[in-house]
Amino acid sequence: MVKKETSRVLDLNPPSLPKRHHIILKFLISFLLLGLAFRLFVSDSLSFFTSSVVEAPPPLVEETNVEIEPPLPATSAGDLLSVNESKTIPNEEISMSFNASNGECDLFVGDWVPDPSAPVYTNSSCRDIEAHQNCMKNGRPDSGYLYWRWNPRSCELPRFDPEKFLDLMKNKWWAFIGDSISRNHVQSFLCILSQVISFFEFYVMINE
């Protein structure tokens, strides 16, 4: 009797194995279905949110008619001086300017040309010429060297006007700094001014 019961028990265990496999297979299928459903739900929700987001159009810019003023006509140096002219120095009294054809002028590039007009001063009309500089008293017979002037090539250099220069230089300082060549310039400059004024004071500082 004991042997028969054990054999029955042994016969009942094998049929339970397919049930376990079936449960595991159902669980896997259910898991796959849930994963697929979740994926579809997530993809649909993302597409819904992205489609619902509408990009705002760029703000409209109001068109405004901007009137561009035409450029001002070019003004010359004389026009600027006439607008900003000083009460003490009128525009017509400025004699230090010169006319250049191309707007630029190199005063150091030029030639000595004959000038038939009388010289500004002579050895006899200027008391500032020293004895060793007086060519006529030292025996030079000709006087043709007095009738020359410097002429720049690219512009016209006006004749120096001592009266207008003195008007422009009122209450101002004028200095020559340099060697003996500058001293010659000072002497020539004083000789020119001495033709319009009879007495003036000047200071010479010599540093030997």
N, C-alpha and C. Protein backbone atom coordinates (compact mmCIF):
# COMPACT_ATOMS: atom_id res chain seq x y z
N MET A 1 0.83 -1.21 0.00
CA MET A 1 0.00 0.00 0.00
C MET A 1 0.86 1.27 0.00
N VAL A 2 1.93 1.22 0.64
CA VAL A 2 2.81 2.40 0.72
C VAL A 2 3.44 2.70 -0.61
N LYS A 3 3.83 1.75 -1.28
CA LYS A 3 4.47 1.94 -2.58
C LYS A 3 3.53 2.56 -3.58
N LYS A 4 2.30 2.18 -3.60
CA LYS A 4 1.32 2.74 -4.51
C LYS A 4 1.09 4.19 -4.25
N GLU A 5 1.03 4.61 -3.01
CA GLU A 5 0.78 6.02 -2.69
C GLU A 5 1.94 6.87 -3.13
N THR A 6 3.12 6.38 -2.94
CA THR A 6 4.29 7.17 -3.35
C THR A 6 4.33 7.31 -4.85
N SER A 7 3.96 6.30 -5.54
CA SER A 7 3.94 6.39 -6.99
C SER A 7 2.92 7.38 -7.48
N ARG A 8 1.81 7.50 -6.80
CA ARG A 8 0.81 8.48 -7.18
C ARG A 8 1.31 9.90 -6.92
N VAL A 9 2.03 9.99 -5.78
CA VAL A 9 2.57 11.33 -5.48
C VAL A 9 3.55 11.74 -6.54
N LEU A 10 4.38 10.83 -6.95
CA LEU A 10 5.35 11.13 -7.98
C LEU A 10 4.68 11.42 -9.31
N ASP A 11 3.57 10.88 -9.58
CA ASP A 11 2.86 11.12 -10.83
C ASP A 11 2.18 12.48 -10.86
N LEU A 12 1.84 12.99 -9.68
CA LEU A 12 1.13 14.28 -9.64
C LEU A 12 2.08 15.48 -9.82
N ASN A 13 3.34 15.43 -9.52
CA ASN A 13 4.25 16.58 -9.60
C ASN A 13 4.57 17.03 -11.02
N PRO A 14 4.86 16.17 -11.98
CA PRO A 14 5.23 16.66 -13.32
C PRO A 14 4.20 17.54 -13.98
N PRO A 15 2.89 17.29 -13.89
CA PRO A 15 1.93 18.19 -14.57
C PRO A 15 1.96 19.62 -14.08
N SER A 16 2.52 19.92 -12.90
CA SER A 16 2.55 21.32 -12.39
C SER A 16 3.59 22.18 -13.09
N LEU A 17 4.58 21.60 -13.77
CA LEU A 17 5.63 22.39 -14.45
C LEU A 17 5.10 23.19 -15.62
N PRO A 18 4.27 22.66 -16.50
CA PRO A 18 3.74 23.49 -17.61
C PRO A 18 2.94 24.70 -17.12
N LYS A 19 2.27 24.56 -16.01
CA LYS A 19 1.51 25.70 -15.48
C LYS A 19 2.44 26.84 -15.12
N ARG A 20 3.59 26.53 -14.53
CA ARG A 20 4.55 27.58 -14.16
C ARG A 20 5.10 28.29 -15.41
N HIS A 21 5.41 27.50 -16.41
CA HIS A 21 5.90 28.10 -17.65
C HIS A 21 4.84 28.98 -18.29
N HIS A 22 3.63 28.56 -18.20
CA HIS A 22 2.54 29.33 -18.79
C HIS A 22 2.36 30.66 -18.05
N ILE A 23 2.51 30.62 -16.75
CA ILE A 23 2.38 31.87 -15.95
C ILE A 23 3.53 32.83 -16.29
N ILE A 24 4.74 32.26 -16.41
CA ILE A 24 5.89 33.11 -16.75
C ILE A 24 5.73 33.72 -18.13
N LEU A 25 5.20 32.93 -19.08
CA LEU A 25 5.00 33.44 -20.43
C LEU A 25 3.95 34.53 -20.45
N LYS A 26 2.88 34.35 -19.67
CA LYS A 26 1.87 35.40 -19.58
C LYS A 26 2.46 36.69 -18.99
N PHE A 27 3.30 36.51 -18.00
CA PHE A 27 3.91 37.68 -17.37
C PHE A 27 4.80 38.43 -18.36
N LEU A 28 5.58 37.70 -19.15
CA LEU A 28 6.44 38.35 -20.14
C LEU A 28 5.63 39.06 -21.20
N ILE A 29 4.57 38.39 -21.66
CA ILE A 29 3.72 39.02 -22.69
C ILE A 29 3.07 40.28 -22.15
N SER A 30 2.61 40.18 -20.89
CA SER A 30 1.98 41.36 -20.28
C SER A 30 2.99 42.50 -20.13
N PHE A 31 4.21 42.14 -19.76
CA PHE A 31 5.26 43.17 -19.60
C PHE A 31 5.58 43.84 -20.94
N LEU A 32 5.67 43.04 -22.00
CA LEU A 32 5.93 43.61 -23.32
C LEU A 32 4.79 44.51 -23.77
N LEU A 33 3.54 44.06 -23.53
CA LEU A 33 2.39 44.89 -23.91
C LEU A 33 2.38 46.21 -23.15
N LEU A 34 2.70 46.11 -21.86
CA LEU A 34 2.74 47.36 -21.07
C LEU A 34 3.84 48.30 -21.57
N GLY A 35 5.00 47.70 -21.89
CA GLY A 35 6.10 48.55 -22.42
C GLY A 35 5.73 49.20 -23.74
N LEU A 36 5.05 48.40 -24.62
CA LEU A 36 4.64 48.96 -25.90
C LEU A 36 3.58 50.04 -25.73
N ALA A 37 2.64 49.80 -24.81
CA ALA A 37 1.61 50.80 -24.57
C ALA A 37 2.21 52.07 -23.97
N PHE A 38 3.17 51.91 -23.08
CA PHE A 38 3.81 53.07 -22.47
C PHE A 38 4.59 53.89 -23.51
N ARG A 39 5.25 53.15 -24.41
CA ARG A 39 6.01 53.86 -25.46
C ARG A 39 5.08 54.65 -26.37
N LEU A 40 3.98 54.00 -26.75
CA LEU A 40 3.03 54.70 -27.62
C LEU A 40 2.42 55.90 -26.91
N PHE A 41 2.13 55.76 -25.65
CA PHE A 41 1.52 56.86 -24.90
C PHE A 41 2.49 58.03 -24.77
N VAL A 42 3.74 57.68 -24.47
CA VAL A 42 4.73 58.76 -24.31
C VAL A 42 4.97 59.48 -25.63
N SER A 43 5.10 58.72 -26.74
CA SER A 43 5.33 59.34 -28.04
C SER A 43 4.16 60.22 -28.46
N ASP A 44 2.91 59.74 -28.20
CA ASP A 44 1.74 60.54 -28.55
C ASP A 44 1.66 61.81 -27.73
N SER A 45 2.00 61.70 -26.42
CA SER A 45 1.93 62.89 -25.57
C SER A 45 2.98 63.92 -25.98
N LEU A 46 4.20 63.45 -26.36
CA LEU A 46 5.23 64.40 -26.79
C LEU A 46 4.85 65.10 -28.08
N SER A 47 4.31 64.31 -29.03
CA SER A 47 3.88 64.93 -30.28
C SER A 47 2.74 65.91 -30.06
N PHE A 48 1.88 65.62 -29.08
CA PHE A 48 0.77 66.53 -28.79
C PHE A 48 1.29 67.85 -28.22
N PHE A 49 2.25 67.76 -27.27
CA PHE A 49 2.77 68.99 -26.67
C PHE A 49 3.58 69.82 -27.67
N THR A 50 4.36 69.13 -28.51
CA THR A 50 5.15 69.88 -29.48
C THR A 50 4.27 70.54 -30.52
N SER A 51 3.20 69.87 -30.91
CA SER A 51 2.30 70.49 -31.89
C SER A 51 1.47 71.61 -31.29
N SER A 52 1.21 71.50 -29.98
CA SER A 52 0.41 72.55 -29.34
C SER A 52 1.20 73.83 -29.09
N VAL A 53 2.54 73.70 -29.07
CA VAL A 53 3.36 74.88 -28.85
C VAL A 53 3.50 75.63 -30.17
N VAL A 54 2.98 76.81 -30.24
CA VAL A 54 3.02 77.63 -31.45
C VAL A 54 4.01 78.74 -31.23
N GLU A 55 4.97 78.84 -32.13
CA GLU A 55 5.97 79.89 -31.99
C GLU A 55 5.32 81.25 -32.22
N ALA A 56 5.65 82.13 -31.31
CA ALA A 56 5.09 83.48 -31.42
C ALA A 56 5.70 84.18 -32.61
N PRO A 57 4.92 84.85 -33.42
CA PRO A 57 5.48 85.56 -34.58
C PRO A 57 6.35 86.72 -34.12
N PRO A 58 7.34 87.05 -34.90
CA PRO A 58 8.19 88.18 -34.51
C PRO A 58 7.40 89.47 -34.45
N PRO A 59 7.78 90.34 -33.53
CA PRO A 59 7.04 91.60 -33.40
C PRO A 59 7.13 92.43 -34.67
N LEU A 60 6.02 93.02 -34.99
CA LEU A 60 5.96 93.86 -36.18
C LEU A 60 6.70 95.16 -35.94
N VAL A 61 7.52 95.50 -36.89
CA VAL A 61 8.27 96.75 -36.80
C VAL A 61 7.57 97.80 -37.62
N GLU A 62 7.22 98.86 -36.96
CA GLU A 62 6.53 99.92 -37.66
C GLU A 62 7.49 100.62 -38.62
N GLU A 63 7.05 100.74 -39.82
CA GLU A 63 7.87 101.42 -40.81
C GLU A 63 7.76 102.91 -40.63
N THR A 64 8.89 103.51 -40.46
CA THR A 64 8.93 104.97 -40.30
C THR A 64 9.73 105.56 -41.44
N ASN A 65 9.23 106.58 -41.98
CA ASN A 65 9.91 107.26 -43.06
C ASN A 65 10.95 108.21 -42.48
N VAL A 66 12.20 107.84 -42.65
CA VAL A 66 13.31 108.65 -42.14
C VAL A 66 13.82 109.51 -43.28
N GLU A 67 13.73 110.78 -43.10
CA GLU A 67 14.21 111.70 -44.11
C GLU A 67 15.69 111.96 -43.89
N ILE A 68 16.47 111.65 -44.90
CA ILE A 68 17.91 111.85 -44.84
C ILE A 68 18.22 113.23 -45.39
N GLU A 69 18.81 114.03 -44.52
CA GLU A 69 19.13 115.37 -44.96
C GLU A 69 20.30 115.34 -45.92
N PRO A 70 20.27 116.14 -46.96
CA PRO A 70 21.40 116.16 -47.90
C PRO A 70 22.63 116.71 -47.22
N PRO A 71 23.81 116.26 -47.64
CA PRO A 71 25.06 116.76 -47.01
C PRO A 71 25.23 118.24 -47.26
N LEU A 72 25.84 118.86 -46.27
CA LEU A 72 26.08 120.29 -46.39
C LEU A 72 27.14 120.55 -47.45
N PRO A 73 27.01 121.61 -48.15
CA PRO A 73 28.04 121.92 -49.16
C PRO A 73 29.37 122.18 -48.50
N ALA A 74 30.42 121.81 -49.20
CA ALA A 74 31.77 121.99 -48.67
C ALA A 74 32.06 123.47 -48.51
N THR A 75 32.62 123.78 -47.38
CA THR A 75 32.95 125.17 -47.09
C THR A 75 34.44 125.35 -47.13
N SER A 76 34.85 126.44 -47.60
CA SER A 76 36.27 126.75 -47.68
C SER A 76 36.75 127.37 -46.39
N ALA A 77 38.05 127.53 -46.29
CA ALA A 77 38.62 128.12 -45.08
C ALA A 77 38.17 129.56 -44.93
N GLY A 78 37.98 130.24 -46.05
CA GLY A 78 37.51 131.62 -45.97
C GLY A 78 36.11 131.73 -45.42
N ASP A 79 35.22 130.75 -45.80
CA ASP A 79 33.86 130.77 -45.27
C ASP A 79 33.85 130.52 -43.78
N LEU A 80 34.69 129.58 -43.31
CA LEU A 80 34.75 129.31 -41.88
C LEU A 80 35.25 130.52 -41.11
N LEU A 81 36.21 131.21 -41.68
CA LEU A 81 36.72 132.40 -41.01
C LEU A 81 35.70 133.51 -41.00
N SER A 82 34.87 133.58 -42.06
CA SER A 82 33.86 134.63 -42.08
C SER A 82 32.77 134.39 -41.06
N VAL A 83 32.49 133.09 -40.74
CA VAL A 83 31.48 132.80 -39.74
C VAL A 83 32.03 133.00 -38.34
N ASN A 84 33.25 132.51 -38.12
CA ASN A 84 33.85 132.58 -36.79
C ASN A 84 34.90 133.69 -36.69
N GLU A 85 34.70 134.72 -37.44
CA GLU A 85 35.72 135.75 -37.45
C GLU A 85 35.72 136.51 -36.13
N SER A 86 36.87 136.94 -35.73
CA SER A 86 37.02 137.68 -34.49
C SER A 86 36.75 139.15 -34.72
N LYS A 87 36.33 139.82 -33.68
CA LYS A 87 36.06 141.24 -33.80
C LYS A 87 37.35 142.04 -33.94
N THR A 88 38.43 141.54 -33.35
CA THR A 88 39.67 142.29 -33.39
C THR A 88 40.50 141.96 -34.62
N ILE A 89 40.26 140.77 -35.25
CA ILE A 89 41.03 140.37 -36.42
C ILE A 89 40.06 140.08 -37.55
N PRO A 90 39.70 141.03 -38.38
CA PRO A 90 38.79 140.76 -39.50
C PRO A 90 39.40 139.78 -40.48
N ASN A 91 38.52 139.18 -41.27
CA ASN A 91 38.98 138.17 -42.21
C ASN A 91 39.87 138.76 -43.29
N GLU A 92 39.55 139.97 -43.76
CA GLU A 92 40.32 140.52 -44.85
C GLU A 92 41.70 140.97 -44.44
N GLU A 93 41.98 141.00 -43.12
CA GLU A 93 43.29 141.45 -42.67
C GLU A 93 44.27 140.29 -42.48
N ILE A 94 43.82 139.08 -42.71
CA ILE A 94 44.71 137.93 -42.54
C ILE A 94 45.50 137.77 -43.83
N SER A 95 46.75 138.16 -43.79
CA SER A 95 47.60 138.14 -44.98
C SER A 95 48.59 136.99 -44.97
N MET A 96 48.54 136.12 -43.94
CA MET A 96 49.53 135.06 -43.86
C MET A 96 49.12 133.82 -44.65
N SER A 97 47.88 133.80 -45.17
CA SER A 97 47.43 132.64 -45.94
C SER A 97 47.93 132.76 -47.37
N PHE A 98 47.95 131.62 -48.06
CA PHE A 98 48.40 131.60 -49.44
C PHE A 98 47.51 130.65 -50.21
N ASN A 99 47.44 130.84 -51.51
CA ASN A 99 46.58 130.06 -52.37
C ASN A 99 47.37 128.91 -52.96
N ALA A 100 46.83 127.68 -52.81
CA ALA A 100 47.46 126.49 -53.38
C ALA A 100 46.49 125.85 -54.34
N SER A 101 46.99 125.37 -55.46
CA SER A 101 46.13 124.79 -56.48
C SER A 101 45.57 123.44 -56.05
N ASN A 102 46.38 122.62 -55.40
CA ASN A 102 45.94 121.28 -55.02
C ASN A 102 45.66 121.15 -53.53
N GLY A 103 45.56 122.25 -52.79
CA GLY A 103 45.25 122.19 -51.37
C GLY A 103 46.46 122.02 -50.49
N GLU A 104 47.62 121.70 -51.03
CA GLU A 104 48.83 121.53 -50.25
C GLU A 104 49.95 122.34 -50.88
N CYS A 105 50.86 122.78 -50.03
CA CYS A 105 51.96 123.58 -50.53
C CYS A 105 53.18 123.34 -49.66
N ASP A 106 54.30 123.07 -50.30
CA ASP A 106 55.58 122.92 -49.62
C ASP A 106 56.37 124.18 -49.87
N LEU A 107 56.49 125.02 -48.83
CA LEU A 107 57.18 126.29 -48.98
C LEU A 107 58.67 126.13 -49.23
N PHE A 108 59.20 124.93 -48.93
CA PHE A 108 60.64 124.72 -49.07
C PHE A 108 61.03 124.27 -50.48
N VAL A 109 60.05 124.00 -51.32
CA VAL A 109 60.33 123.60 -52.69
C VAL A 109 59.96 124.76 -53.60
N GLY A 110 60.96 125.41 -54.16
CA GLY A 110 60.69 126.56 -55.01
C GLY A 110 61.96 127.06 -55.66
N ASP A 111 61.90 128.26 -56.18
CA ASP A 111 63.04 128.85 -56.89
C ASP A 111 63.12 130.33 -56.57
N TRP A 112 64.33 130.85 -56.67
CA TRP A 112 64.53 132.28 -56.59
C TRP A 112 64.27 132.88 -57.96
N VAL A 113 63.32 133.83 -57.99
CA VAL A 113 62.92 134.43 -59.26
C VAL A 113 63.15 135.94 -59.17
N PRO A 114 63.41 136.60 -60.30
CA PRO A 114 63.58 138.05 -60.27
C PRO A 114 62.30 138.76 -59.84
N ASP A 115 62.47 139.81 -59.06
CA ASP A 115 61.35 140.60 -58.57
C ASP A 115 61.62 142.07 -58.88
N PRO A 116 60.95 142.62 -59.87
CA PRO A 116 61.26 144.01 -60.26
C PRO A 116 60.82 145.04 -59.24
N SER A 117 59.94 144.64 -58.30
CA SER A 117 59.50 145.62 -57.30
C SER A 117 60.64 145.96 -56.36
N ALA A 118 60.52 147.11 -55.72
CA ALA A 118 61.58 147.57 -54.82
C ALA A 118 61.70 146.65 -53.61
N PRO A 119 62.88 146.44 -53.08
CA PRO A 119 63.05 145.59 -51.89
C PRO A 119 62.37 146.21 -50.68
N VAL A 120 62.05 145.38 -49.71
CA VAL A 120 61.35 145.85 -48.51
C VAL A 120 62.26 146.79 -47.73
N TYR A 121 63.54 146.48 -47.68
CA TYR A 121 64.50 147.34 -46.98
C TYR A 121 65.85 147.21 -47.66
N THR A 122 66.71 148.14 -47.38
CA THR A 122 68.07 148.14 -47.92
C THR A 122 69.06 148.31 -46.77
N ASN A 123 70.33 148.27 -47.11
CA ASN A 123 71.35 148.44 -46.08
C ASN A 123 71.30 149.82 -45.45
N SER A 124 70.83 150.78 -46.19
CA SER A 124 70.77 152.15 -45.66
C SER A 124 69.49 152.44 -44.92
N SER A 125 68.41 151.65 -45.16
CA SER A 125 67.12 151.93 -44.51
C SER A 125 66.91 151.12 -43.25
N CYS A 126 67.80 150.21 -42.92
CA CYS A 126 67.66 149.39 -41.71
C CYS A 126 68.87 149.58 -40.82
N ARG A 127 68.62 150.01 -39.58
CA ARG A 127 69.71 150.26 -38.65
C ARG A 127 70.17 149.02 -37.92
N ASP A 128 69.50 147.90 -38.10
CA ASP A 128 69.85 146.67 -37.40
C ASP A 128 70.88 145.84 -38.15
N ILE A 129 71.23 146.25 -39.36
CA ILE A 129 72.25 145.50 -40.09
C ILE A 129 73.62 145.86 -39.52
N GLU A 130 74.38 144.85 -39.15
CA GLU A 130 75.70 145.06 -38.57
C GLU A 130 76.72 145.42 -39.66
N ALA A 131 77.86 145.90 -39.22
CA ALA A 131 78.87 146.41 -40.16
C ALA A 131 79.37 145.32 -41.10
N HIS A 132 79.59 144.12 -40.57
CA HIS A 132 80.12 143.05 -41.42
C HIS A 132 79.07 142.47 -42.35
N GLN A 133 77.79 142.84 -42.15
CA GLN A 133 76.72 142.38 -43.02
C GLN A 133 76.33 143.41 -44.08
N ASN A 134 76.91 144.57 -44.01
CA ASN A 134 76.56 145.64 -44.94
C ASN A 134 77.39 145.47 -46.21
N CYS A 135 76.76 144.84 -47.19
CA CYS A 135 77.49 144.54 -48.43
C CYS A 135 77.89 145.81 -49.18
N MET A 136 77.02 146.80 -49.20
CA MET A 136 77.30 148.01 -49.96
C MET A 136 78.48 148.77 -49.35
N LYS A 137 78.51 148.88 -48.04
CA LYS A 137 79.61 149.60 -47.40
C LYS A 137 80.91 148.82 -47.47
N ASN A 138 80.78 147.49 -47.64
CA ASN A 138 81.99 146.66 -47.72
C ASN A 138 82.51 146.53 -49.15
N GLY A 139 81.93 147.30 -50.09
CA GLY A 139 82.50 147.37 -51.43
C GLY A 139 81.78 146.61 -52.50
N ARG A 140 80.59 146.07 -52.26
CA ARG A 140 79.88 145.38 -53.35
C ARG A 140 79.27 146.44 -54.26
N PRO A 141 79.61 146.43 -55.53
CA PRO A 141 79.17 147.51 -56.40
C PRO A 141 77.74 147.35 -56.91
N ASP A 142 77.31 146.13 -57.13
CA ASP A 142 75.98 145.92 -57.73
C ASP A 142 74.91 145.87 -56.65
N SER A 143 73.67 146.07 -57.08
CA SER A 143 72.52 145.99 -56.17
C SER A 143 71.44 145.06 -56.73
N GLY A 144 71.79 144.26 -57.73
CA GLY A 144 70.80 143.36 -58.33
C GLY A 144 70.36 142.24 -57.41
N TYR A 145 71.17 141.92 -56.44
CA TYR A 145 70.80 140.83 -55.52
C TYR A 145 69.62 141.20 -54.64
N LEU A 146 69.27 142.48 -54.60
CA LEU A 146 68.12 142.91 -53.80
C LEU A 146 66.79 142.65 -54.51
N TYR A 147 66.82 142.38 -55.79
CA TYR A 147 65.59 142.25 -56.58
C TYR A 147 65.32 140.77 -56.92
N TRP A 148 65.29 139.98 -55.90
CA TRP A 148 64.93 138.57 -56.02
C TRP A 148 63.96 138.21 -54.89
N ARG A 149 63.13 137.23 -55.17
CA ARG A 149 62.19 136.74 -54.15
C ARG A 149 62.04 135.23 -54.29
N TRP A 150 61.64 134.62 -53.19
CA TRP A 150 61.44 133.17 -53.18
C TRP A 150 60.04 132.85 -53.67
N ASN A 151 59.96 131.93 -54.62
CA ASN A 151 58.68 131.58 -55.24
C ASN A 151 58.44 130.07 -55.11
N PRO A 152 57.53 129.61 -54.19
CA PRO A 152 57.20 128.18 -54.11
C PRO A 152 56.59 127.70 -55.43
N ARG A 153 56.83 126.45 -55.74
CA ARG A 153 56.40 125.91 -57.04
C ARG A 153 54.92 125.56 -57.08
N SER A 154 54.35 125.16 -55.96
CA SER A 154 52.97 124.66 -55.99
C SER A 154 51.95 125.65 -55.44
N CYS A 155 52.36 126.84 -55.07
CA CYS A 155 51.41 127.81 -54.55
C CYS A 155 51.99 129.21 -54.72
N GLU A 156 51.14 130.17 -54.45
CA GLU A 156 51.54 131.57 -54.57
C GLU A 156 51.74 132.15 -53.17
N LEU A 157 52.92 132.59 -52.89
CA LEU A 157 53.25 133.15 -51.58
C LEU A 157 53.10 134.67 -51.64
N PRO A 158 52.17 135.23 -50.86
CA PRO A 158 51.97 136.68 -50.93
C PRO A 158 53.12 137.44 -50.29
N ARG A 159 53.23 138.67 -50.65
CA ARG A 159 54.27 139.53 -50.10
C ARG A 159 53.94 139.85 -48.64
N PHE A 160 54.96 139.79 -47.81
CA PHE A 160 54.76 140.03 -46.38
C PHE A 160 54.35 141.47 -46.14
N ASP A 161 53.29 141.65 -45.34
CA ASP A 161 52.77 142.98 -45.02
C ASP A 161 53.04 143.24 -43.54
N PRO A 162 53.99 144.09 -43.20
CA PRO A 162 54.33 144.30 -41.78
C PRO A 162 53.22 144.96 -40.98
N GLU A 163 52.45 145.86 -41.58
CA GLU A 163 51.38 146.53 -40.84
C GLU A 163 50.30 145.54 -40.40
N LYS A 164 49.88 144.68 -41.30
CA LYS A 164 48.87 143.68 -40.94
C LYS A 164 49.42 142.67 -39.94
N PHE A 165 50.69 142.34 -40.07
CA PHE A 165 51.29 141.41 -39.13
C PHE A 165 51.29 142.00 -37.72
N LEU A 166 51.63 143.27 -37.59
CA LEU A 166 51.64 143.91 -36.28
C LEU A 166 50.23 143.98 -35.70
N ASP A 167 49.23 144.18 -36.52
CA ASP A 167 47.85 144.19 -36.03
C ASP A 167 47.45 142.81 -35.52
N LEU A 168 47.87 141.77 -36.22
CA LEU A 168 47.53 140.41 -35.80
C LEU A 168 48.26 139.98 -34.54
N MET A 169 49.44 140.54 -34.33
CA MET A 169 50.28 140.11 -33.21
C MET A 169 50.18 141.03 -32.00
N LYS A 170 49.15 141.83 -31.93
CA LYS A 170 48.99 142.70 -30.75
C LYS A 170 48.77 141.85 -29.51
N ASN A 171 49.48 142.23 -28.43
CA ASN A 171 49.38 141.53 -27.14
C ASN A 171 49.77 140.06 -27.25
N LYS A 172 50.64 139.74 -28.17
CA LYS A 172 51.12 138.37 -28.33
C LYS A 172 52.64 138.36 -28.31
N TRP A 173 53.19 137.14 -28.24
CA TRP A 173 54.64 136.96 -28.19
C TRP A 173 55.12 136.31 -29.47
N TRP A 174 56.33 136.68 -29.86
CA TRP A 174 56.95 136.10 -31.05
C TRP A 174 58.40 135.81 -30.71
N ALA A 175 58.85 134.59 -30.96
CA ALA A 175 60.19 134.18 -30.56
C ALA A 175 60.87 133.43 -31.70
N PHE A 176 62.16 133.66 -31.85
CA PHE A 176 63.02 132.92 -32.76
C PHE A 176 64.04 132.15 -31.92
N ILE A 177 64.09 130.85 -32.08
CA ILE A 177 65.00 130.03 -31.30
C ILE A 177 65.88 129.25 -32.27
N GLY A 178 67.19 129.38 -32.09
CA GLY A 178 68.08 128.65 -32.98
C GLY A 178 69.49 129.18 -32.92
N ASP A 179 70.24 128.97 -34.00
CA ASP A 179 71.64 129.35 -34.05
C ASP A 179 71.79 130.69 -34.77
N SER A 180 72.98 130.90 -35.37
CA SER A 180 73.25 132.17 -36.02
C SER A 180 72.37 132.40 -37.24
N ILE A 181 71.91 131.32 -37.89
CA ILE A 181 71.00 131.50 -39.02
C ILE A 181 69.68 132.11 -38.55
N SER A 182 69.18 131.64 -37.42
CA SER A 182 67.96 132.24 -36.86
C SER A 182 68.20 133.69 -36.47
N ARG A 183 69.40 134.00 -36.02
CA ARG A 183 69.70 135.39 -35.68
C ARG A 183 69.65 136.27 -36.93
N ASN A 184 70.10 135.76 -38.06
CA ASN A 184 69.97 136.49 -39.31
C ASN A 184 68.50 136.69 -39.68
N HIS A 185 67.69 135.69 -39.41
CA HIS A 185 66.26 135.82 -39.66
C HIS A 185 65.65 136.90 -38.78
N VAL A 186 66.09 136.94 -37.53
CA VAL A 186 65.58 137.97 -36.62
C VAL A 186 65.95 139.35 -37.11
N GLN A 187 67.18 139.51 -37.56
CA GLN A 187 67.61 140.82 -38.05
C GLN A 187 66.83 141.23 -39.29
N SER A 188 66.62 140.30 -40.20
CA SER A 188 65.83 140.61 -41.40
C SER A 188 64.38 140.92 -41.04
N PHE A 189 63.87 140.18 -40.07
CA PHE A 189 62.49 140.41 -39.64
C PHE A 189 62.34 141.79 -39.01
N LEU A 190 63.30 142.18 -38.19
CA LEU A 190 63.25 143.50 -37.56
C LEU A 190 63.42 144.61 -38.60
N CYS A 191 64.22 144.35 -39.62
CA CYS A 191 64.37 145.34 -40.68
C CYS A 191 63.06 145.57 -41.42
N ILE A 192 62.29 144.50 -41.63
CA ILE A 192 61.00 144.65 -42.30
C ILE A 192 60.03 145.43 -41.43
N LEU A 193 59.99 145.12 -40.13
CA LEU A 193 59.06 145.82 -39.24
C LEU A 193 59.47 147.27 -39.04
N SER A 194 60.75 147.55 -39.13
CA SER A 194 61.21 148.93 -38.91
C SER A 194 60.77 149.88 -40.01
N GLN A 195 60.25 149.35 -41.11
CA GLN A 195 59.79 150.22 -42.19
C GLN A 195 58.42 150.83 -41.91
N VAL A 196 57.71 150.31 -40.91
CA VAL A 196 56.37 150.83 -40.61
C VAL A 196 56.27 151.37 -39.20
N ILE A 197 57.21 151.06 -38.34
CA ILE A 197 57.21 151.62 -36.99
C ILE A 197 58.58 152.22 -36.72
N SER A 198 58.58 153.33 -36.03
CA SER A 198 59.83 154.04 -35.81
C SER A 198 60.53 153.61 -34.53
N PHE A 199 59.78 153.08 -33.56
CA PHE A 199 60.41 152.71 -32.31
C PHE A 199 59.71 151.48 -31.74
N PHE A 200 60.48 150.51 -31.32
CA PHE A 200 59.94 149.32 -30.68
C PHE A 200 61.02 148.73 -29.80
N GLU A 201 60.59 147.92 -28.86
CA GLU A 201 61.50 147.29 -27.93
C GLU A 201 61.56 145.78 -28.21
N PHE A 202 62.73 145.25 -28.11
CA PHE A 202 62.90 143.81 -28.26
C PHE A 202 64.06 143.38 -27.40
N TYR A 203 64.04 142.11 -27.01
CA TYR A 203 65.05 141.56 -26.12
C TYR A 203 65.76 140.41 -26.83
N VAL A 204 67.06 140.43 -26.71
CA VAL A 204 67.87 139.38 -27.31
C VAL A 204 68.61 138.66 -26.19
N MET A 205 68.43 137.37 -26.10
CA MET A 205 69.10 136.54 -25.09
C MET A 205 70.08 135.62 -25.81
N ILE A 206 71.35 135.83 -25.56
CA ILE A 206 72.38 135.05 -26.22
C ILE A 206 73.04 134.15 -25.18
N ASN A 207 73.04 132.87 -25.48
CA ASN A 207 73.66 131.90 -24.59
C ASN A 207 74.87 131.33 -25.30
N GLU A 208 76.04 131.86 -24.96
CA GLU A 208 77.27 131.44 -25.62
C GLU A 208 77.68 130.06 -25.13
